[in-house]
Amino acid sequence: MTYTYLTTEELSSRIKYDARTIRNQLKDSVLLEGTHYIRPFGGRKLLFLWEPIAEELHKNSVFFETFHG
């Protein structure tokens, strides 16, 4: 599978959450390492995987379930 890699700031603009909220509240509680983001080369930088995040957003969306469920 091909992934679209996003920085925290790029993800922030796509899902309309502040980058700080992503780092401090969503990372490791909703967005899991290895599933939704990676640390390339074992470093500190995070790269988010857009496809699994978009799937998670749709899966847990009340609006999506109401009209498509």
Protein backbone atom coordinates (compact mmCIF):
# COMPACT_ATOMS: atom_id res chain seq x y z
CA MET A 1 0.00 0.00 0.00
CA THR A 2 1.19 3.51 -0.78
CA TYR A 3 0.94 6.08 2.00
CA THR A 4 0.76 9.84 2.02
CA TYR A 5 3.18 11.08 4.67
CA LEU A 6 2.26 14.30 6.47
CA THR A 7 4.04 16.44 9.03
CA THR A 8 2.14 17.50 12.13
CA GLU A 9 1.47 20.90 10.56
CA GLU A 10 0.18 19.36 7.31
CA LEU A 11 -2.10 16.99 9.23
CA SER A 12 -3.28 19.94 11.29
CA SER A 13 -4.44 21.78 8.20
CA ARG A 14 -6.26 18.70 6.85
CA ILE A 15 -8.21 17.78 9.98
CA LYS A 16 -8.59 21.32 11.36
CA TYR A 17 -6.96 20.61 14.72
CA ASP A 18 -4.13 22.69 16.13
CA ALA A 19 -0.72 21.02 15.75
CA ARG A 20 -0.27 21.24 19.54
CA THR A 21 -3.53 19.35 20.07
CA ILE A 22 -2.34 16.60 17.73
CA ARG A 23 1.00 16.28 19.56
CA ASN A 24 -0.34 16.59 23.12
CA GLN A 25 -3.80 15.01 23.08
CA LEU A 26 -4.34 12.83 20.01
CA LYS A 27 -0.90 11.23 19.63
CA ASP A 28 -0.71 7.92 21.52
CA SER A 29 -4.35 8.03 22.62
CA VAL A 30 -6.20 8.13 19.29
CA LEU A 31 -3.31 8.15 16.82
CA LEU A 32 -1.03 5.20 17.47
CA GLU A 33 2.61 4.78 16.52
CA GLY A 34 3.02 2.19 13.78
CA THR A 35 -0.62 2.52 12.71
CA HIS A 36 -1.21 6.25 12.26
CA TYR A 37 2.32 7.66 12.45
CA ILE A 38 5.96 6.64 12.27
CA ARG A 39 9.30 8.00 13.47
CA PRO A 40 11.58 7.74 10.43
CA PHE A 41 15.04 6.39 11.15
CA GLY A 42 14.25 6.21 14.88
CA GLY A 43 14.38 9.99 15.21
CA ARG A 44 12.16 12.51 16.94
CA LYS A 45 10.35 13.71 13.83
CA LEU A 46 6.84 12.33 13.33
CA LEU A 47 5.32 11.51 9.95
CA PHE A 48 1.60 10.82 9.96
CA LEU A 49 0.05 8.30 7.56
CA TRP A 50 -2.96 9.99 5.97
CA GLU A 51 -4.85 6.91 4.72
CA PRO A 52 -5.24 5.16 8.12
CA ILE A 53 -6.09 8.48 9.79
CA ALA A 54 -8.79 9.26 7.20
CA GLU A 55 -10.21 5.76 7.64
CA GLU A 56 -10.27 6.23 11.43
CA LEU A 57 -12.03 9.59 11.07
CA HIS A 58 -14.77 8.07 8.91
CA LYS A 59 -15.10 4.96 11.05
CA ASN A 60 -15.71 6.98 14.21
CA SER A 61 -17.78 9.77 12.71
CA VAL A 62 -21.40 10.05 13.85
CA PHE A 63 -22.23 12.09 10.73
CA PHE A 64 -20.70 9.47 8.45
CA GLU A 65 -22.58 6.63 10.17
CA THR A 66 -25.89 8.52 10.06
CA PHE A 67 -25.80 9.05 6.31
CA HIS A 68 -23.76 6.04 5.16
CA GLY A 69 -24.37 3.41 7.82
